[in-house]
Amino acid sequence: MSEGSSSLGRMLALLDAYTHERYAWTVEDLAAHFGFTPSSTYRYVKELCQAGLLIRLPRGRYVIGARIVELEALIRETDPVTRASQPILRELAQETGCHVLLSNVYGEHLLNVAHEPGVEQLELTYLRGKSLPWFRGAPSLSVLAFWPRARVRRLFEQLHPDADEQAWDAMWAKLKAIRKAGYVISRAGLDPDVIGYGVPVMLEDDVIGTISLVCSQQRGEFLNGAALGAVLQQKSRELSARLQQAD
């Protein structure tokens, strides 16, 4: 983000720097990361600290503040998508024995927001609160397959700047096949020895997220992928209908 953007936008952009891999930043590092002046960055950090969104640690490091925890609790209790999905996720977990995940799209990000455990003990990398990578794994592929081609192309080129035209054609052909089927099956796309089944969640023709089932590849050998895809599509339509009626 450039200095030409609004001050509010630049200030909020600082929060995008915080990830599971990098959760503590100095003002100097933030300024260098975003290309902002140190004085402007210090002012933004000060405002974020006053709002409780950041907190200062020793040696001039800043981490996410307690206000985020408060907002997280509020989301759990009031978010209409999460509330409408909980009974559906629970039913899917009980009926299939798989872990069930709900992921929401916001901007160019895909974030897991709810998780209903299955019968297996799986070490899953991407659970609630962790952004998912694009172009691999059932959640992201089921979203991308229903996005406009131009949007997917821009994101592909942004994330794979060295990819040639052949790589893009292969990816788009894969996504078109997923769209035609209505669901995706991904083997070891996110975690080894894990299989995922995903469908998009639509609201007024927009993809707002995805529902996915996750199990071990060993368990997946005894499951009917097409049948699971059909069940997921039905549950996705049910969730969309609930959201349409939500207050």
Protein backbone atom coordinates (compact mmCIF):
# COMPACT_ATOMS: atom_id res chain seq x y z
CA MET A 1 0.00 0.00 0.00
CA SER A 2 1.38 3.41 -0.95
CA GLU A 3 1.52 6.69 0.93
CA GLY A 4 -1.11 7.92 -1.52
CA SER A 5 -3.76 5.76 0.14
CA SER A 6 -5.97 7.17 2.90
CA SER A 7 -4.48 7.48 6.38
CA LEU A 8 -7.14 5.14 7.77
CA GLY A 9 -6.40 2.56 5.09
CA ARG A 10 -2.67 2.73 5.75
CA MET A 11 -3.20 2.42 9.49
CA LEU A 12 -5.46 -0.63 9.20
CA ALA A 13 -3.09 -2.19 6.66
CA LEU A 14 -0.54 -2.59 9.45
CA LEU A 15 -2.71 -5.34 10.92
CA ASP A 16 -2.26 -7.37 7.72
CA ALA A 17 1.41 -7.80 8.62
CA TYR A 18 0.53 -9.99 11.59
CA THR A 19 0.54 -13.71 10.83
CA HIS A 20 1.20 -16.98 12.66
CA GLU A 21 4.72 -16.85 11.25
CA ARG A 22 5.38 -13.17 12.14
CA TYR A 23 3.40 -12.01 15.18
CA ALA A 24 5.70 -9.29 16.59
CA TRP A 25 6.89 -6.18 14.74
CA THR A 26 8.83 -3.01 15.52
CA VAL A 27 7.77 0.34 14.10
CA GLU A 28 10.90 0.38 11.95
CA ASP A 29 10.16 -3.05 10.49
CA LEU A 30 6.54 -2.12 9.76
CA ALA A 31 7.63 1.08 8.04
CA ALA A 32 10.10 -0.81 5.87
CA HIS A 33 7.60 -3.58 5.11
CA PHE A 34 4.91 -1.20 3.85
CA GLY A 35 7.14 1.58 2.54
CA PHE A 36 5.70 4.15 4.96
CA THR A 37 7.71 6.87 6.66
CA PRO A 38 8.79 6.02 10.25
CA SER A 39 6.95 9.05 11.64
CA SER A 40 3.67 8.08 9.94
CA THR A 41 4.04 4.46 11.01
CA TYR A 42 4.67 5.47 14.62
CA ARG A 43 1.48 7.58 14.53
CA TYR A 44 -0.55 4.67 13.11
CA VAL A 45 0.85 2.25 15.71
CA LYS A 46 0.04 4.69 18.49
CA GLU A 47 -3.58 4.94 17.30
CA LEU A 48 -3.89 1.16 17.07
CA CYS A 49 -2.52 0.81 20.61
CA GLN A 50 -5.02 3.36 21.93
CA ALA A 51 -7.81 1.32 20.28
CA GLY A 52 -6.53 -1.87 21.92
CA LEU A 53 -5.75 -3.48 18.57
CA LEU A 54 -1.99 -3.53 19.29
CA ILE A 55 0.01 -3.68 22.50
CA ARG A 56 3.65 -2.75 23.12
CA LEU A 57 6.12 -5.31 24.47
CA PRO A 58 9.70 -4.76 25.67
CA ARG A 59 12.35 -3.82 23.09
CA GLY A 60 9.86 -1.84 21.03
CA ARG A 61 7.93 -4.82 19.69
CA TYR A 62 4.19 -4.67 19.05
CA VAL A 63 1.76 -7.58 19.01
CA ILE A 64 -2.01 -7.98 18.54
CA GLY A 65 -3.94 -6.47 21.46
CA ALA A 66 -6.72 -7.74 23.69
CA ARG A 67 -9.43 -5.86 21.79
CA ILE A 68 -9.10 -8.51 19.08
CA VAL A 69 -9.99 -11.19 21.66
CA GLU A 70 -13.08 -9.22 22.64
CA LEU A 71 -14.11 -8.91 19.00
CA GLU A 72 -13.50 -12.64 18.48
CA ALA A 73 -15.91 -13.45 21.31
CA LEU A 74 -18.46 -11.09 19.78
CA ILE A 75 -18.11 -12.76 16.39
CA ARG A 76 -18.64 -16.21 17.89
CA GLU A 77 -21.89 -15.06 19.47
CA THR A 78 -23.34 -12.81 16.79
CA ASP A 79 -21.90 -13.62 13.34
CA PRO A 80 -24.95 -14.66 11.25
CA VAL A 81 -22.96 -16.96 8.97
CA THR A 82 -21.40 -18.88 11.87
CA ARG A 83 -24.69 -19.09 13.78
CA ALA A 84 -26.64 -20.29 10.75
CA SER A 85 -23.98 -22.86 9.87
CA GLN A 86 -23.45 -24.53 13.25
CA PRO A 87 -26.42 -26.98 13.06
CA ILE A 88 -25.46 -27.86 9.47
CA LEU A 89 -21.81 -28.45 10.33
CA ARG A 90 -22.81 -30.58 13.31
CA GLU A 91 -25.16 -32.70 11.18
CA LEU A 92 -22.47 -33.24 8.55
CA ALA A 93 -19.91 -34.32 11.15
CA GLN A 94 -22.38 -36.78 12.69
CA GLU A 95 -23.53 -38.19 9.35
CA THR A 96 -20.10 -38.58 7.75
CA GLY A 97 -17.66 -38.90 10.65
CA CYS A 98 -15.47 -36.30 8.90
CA HIS A 99 -14.17 -33.03 10.26
CA VAL A 100 -16.29 -30.19 8.86
CA LEU A 101 -14.95 -26.71 8.20
CA LEU A 102 -16.63 -23.46 7.24
CA SER A 103 -14.44 -20.87 5.53
CA ASN A 104 -15.37 -17.29 4.69
CA VAL A 105 -14.12 -15.10 1.85
CA TYR A 106 -13.12 -11.56 2.70
CA GLY A 107 -11.43 -9.59 -0.03
CA GLU A 108 -8.66 -11.76 -1.42
CA HIS A 109 -8.46 -13.89 1.73
CA LEU A 110 -10.09 -17.18 2.71
CA LEU A 111 -10.35 -17.81 6.45
CA ASN A 112 -11.57 -20.80 8.43
CA VAL A 113 -14.24 -19.52 10.84
CA ALA A 114 -15.82 -22.69 12.23
CA HIS A 115 -14.79 -26.30 12.82
CA GLU A 116 -16.84 -29.32 13.84
CA PRO A 117 -14.58 -32.28 14.74
CA GLY A 118 -14.99 -35.71 13.18
CA VAL A 119 -14.28 -39.14 14.60
CA GLU A 120 -10.61 -39.20 13.59
CA GLN A 121 -7.69 -37.57 15.38
CA LEU A 122 -6.18 -35.49 12.58
CA GLU A 123 -3.37 -32.95 12.79
CA LEU A 124 -4.85 -30.25 10.59
CA THR A 125 -2.77 -27.19 9.74
CA TYR A 126 -5.63 -24.86 8.86
CA LEU A 127 -8.24 -24.58 11.60
CA ARG A 128 -10.35 -21.67 12.88
CA GLY A 129 -8.69 -18.31 12.48
CA LYS A 130 -6.00 -19.33 10.00
CA SER A 131 -6.00 -18.09 6.41
CA LEU A 132 -5.99 -20.74 3.71
CA PRO A 133 -3.65 -20.75 0.71
CA TRP A 134 -5.10 -20.19 -2.73
CA PHE A 135 -4.95 -22.73 -5.59
CA ARG A 136 -4.52 -25.79 -3.39
CA GLY A 137 -6.84 -27.66 -1.08
CA ALA A 138 -10.59 -28.23 -1.31
CA PRO A 139 -11.72 -24.94 0.31
CA SER A 140 -9.86 -22.57 -2.00
CA LEU A 141 -10.40 -24.60 -5.17
CA SER A 142 -14.16 -24.74 -4.54
CA VAL A 143 -14.22 -20.95 -4.24
CA LEU A 144 -11.97 -20.16 -7.20
CA ALA A 145 -13.96 -22.43 -9.49
CA PHE A 146 -16.97 -20.14 -9.08
CA TRP A 147 -15.17 -16.80 -9.34
CA PRO A 148 -15.05 -14.89 -12.64
CA ARG A 149 -12.14 -15.89 -14.84
CA ALA A 150 -10.56 -12.43 -14.81
CA ARG A 151 -10.49 -12.33 -11.00
CA VAL A 152 -8.91 -15.76 -10.77
CA ARG A 153 -6.36 -14.85 -13.44
CA ARG A 154 -5.29 -11.71 -11.53
CA LEU A 155 -4.85 -13.67 -8.32
CA PHE A 156 -2.97 -16.47 -10.10
CA GLU A 157 -0.53 -14.01 -11.68
CA GLN A 158 -0.06 -12.23 -8.36
CA LEU A 159 0.77 -15.44 -6.50
CA HIS A 160 2.64 -17.17 -9.35
CA PRO A 161 4.47 -14.38 -11.21
CA ASP A 162 6.86 -16.84 -12.88
CA ALA A 163 4.15 -19.20 -14.16
CA ASP A 164 3.79 -19.50 -17.93
CA GLU A 165 0.61 -19.53 -20.01
CA GLN A 166 0.54 -23.32 -20.01
CA ALA A 167 0.42 -23.40 -16.20
CA TRP A 168 -2.48 -20.96 -16.18
CA ASP A 169 -4.38 -22.91 -18.85
CA ALA A 170 -3.98 -26.11 -16.83
CA MET A 171 -5.23 -24.45 -13.65
CA TRP A 172 -8.23 -22.85 -15.37
CA ALA A 173 -9.15 -26.17 -17.00
CA LYS A 174 -9.03 -27.79 -13.55
CA LEU A 175 -11.27 -25.10 -12.07
CA LYS A 176 -13.77 -25.38 -14.94
CA ALA A 177 -14.04 -29.13 -14.30
CA ILE A 178 -14.69 -28.45 -10.60
CA ARG A 179 -17.39 -25.93 -11.46
CA LYS A 180 -19.07 -28.39 -13.78
CA ALA A 181 -19.07 -31.09 -11.09
CA GLY A 182 -20.22 -28.65 -8.40
CA TYR A 183 -17.71 -29.92 -5.84
CA VAL A 184 -14.02 -30.70 -5.50
CA ILE A 185 -12.02 -33.60 -4.07
CA SER A 186 -8.47 -32.72 -3.07
CA ARG A 187 -5.92 -35.31 -1.94
CA ALA A 188 -3.07 -34.07 0.28
CA GLY A 189 -3.71 -30.52 -0.93
CA LEU A 190 -3.14 -28.99 2.50
CA ASP A 191 -1.91 -31.78 4.77
CA PRO A 192 -0.24 -35.12 3.94
CA ASP A 193 -2.43 -38.22 4.00
CA VAL A 194 -5.57 -36.08 4.26
CA ILE A 195 -8.38 -35.80 1.73
CA GLY A 196 -10.78 -32.87 1.48
CA TYR A 197 -14.18 -32.44 -0.16
CA GLY A 198 -15.43 -28.90 -0.76
CA VAL A 199 -18.33 -26.88 -2.16
CA PRO A 200 -18.87 -23.12 -2.36
CA VAL A 201 -21.45 -21.26 -0.26
CA MET A 202 -23.37 -18.82 -2.46
CA LEU A 203 -25.42 -15.79 -1.49
CA GLU A 204 -27.14 -13.80 -4.23
CA ASP A 205 -24.78 -15.26 -6.86
CA ASP A 206 -21.69 -14.31 -4.85
CA VAL A 207 -19.32 -16.85 -3.33
CA ILE A 208 -19.14 -15.93 0.35
CA GLY A 209 -17.30 -19.03 1.52
CA THR A 210 -17.06 -22.79 1.43
CA ILE A 211 -18.02 -25.90 3.38
CA SER A 212 -15.49 -28.71 3.37
CA LEU A 213 -15.21 -32.23 4.77
CA VAL A 214 -11.81 -33.55 5.85
CA CYS A 215 -10.72 -37.09 6.65
CA SER A 216 -7.70 -39.36 6.34
CA GLN A 217 -7.00 -40.78 2.90
CA GLN A 218 -7.39 -44.24 4.42
CA ARG A 219 -10.94 -43.41 5.54
CA GLY A 220 -11.60 -41.72 2.20
CA GLU A 221 -11.05 -45.02 0.38
CA PHE A 222 -14.29 -46.29 1.93
CA LEU A 223 -16.33 -43.17 1.18
CA ASN A 224 -18.25 -42.36 -1.97
CA GLY A 225 -16.83 -39.06 -3.20
CA ALA A 226 -19.71 -38.29 -5.54
CA ALA A 227 -22.25 -38.98 -2.80
CA LEU A 228 -20.37 -36.73 -0.37
CA GLY A 229 -20.24 -34.02 -3.03
CA ALA A 230 -24.00 -34.23 -3.47
CA VAL A 231 -24.58 -34.03 0.30
CA LEU A 232 -22.30 -31.01 0.57
CA GLN A 233 -24.13 -29.24 -2.25
CA GLN A 234 -27.44 -29.86 -0.51
CA LYS A 235 -26.10 -28.53 2.81
CA SER A 236 -24.61 -25.50 1.05
CA ARG A 237 -28.00 -24.66 -0.46
CA GLU A 238 -29.57 -25.08 2.98
CA LEU A 239 -27.06 -22.67 4.51
CA SER A 240 -27.64 -20.15 1.72
CA ALA A 241 -31.40 -20.33 2.35
CA ARG A 242 -30.88 -19.75 6.08
CA LEU A 243 -28.68 -16.74 5.38
CA GLN A 244 -31.29 -15.29 3.04
CA GLN A 245 -33.79 -15.44 5.89
CA ALA A 246 -31.38 -14.21 8.57
CA ASP A 247 -32.24 -10.95 10.28
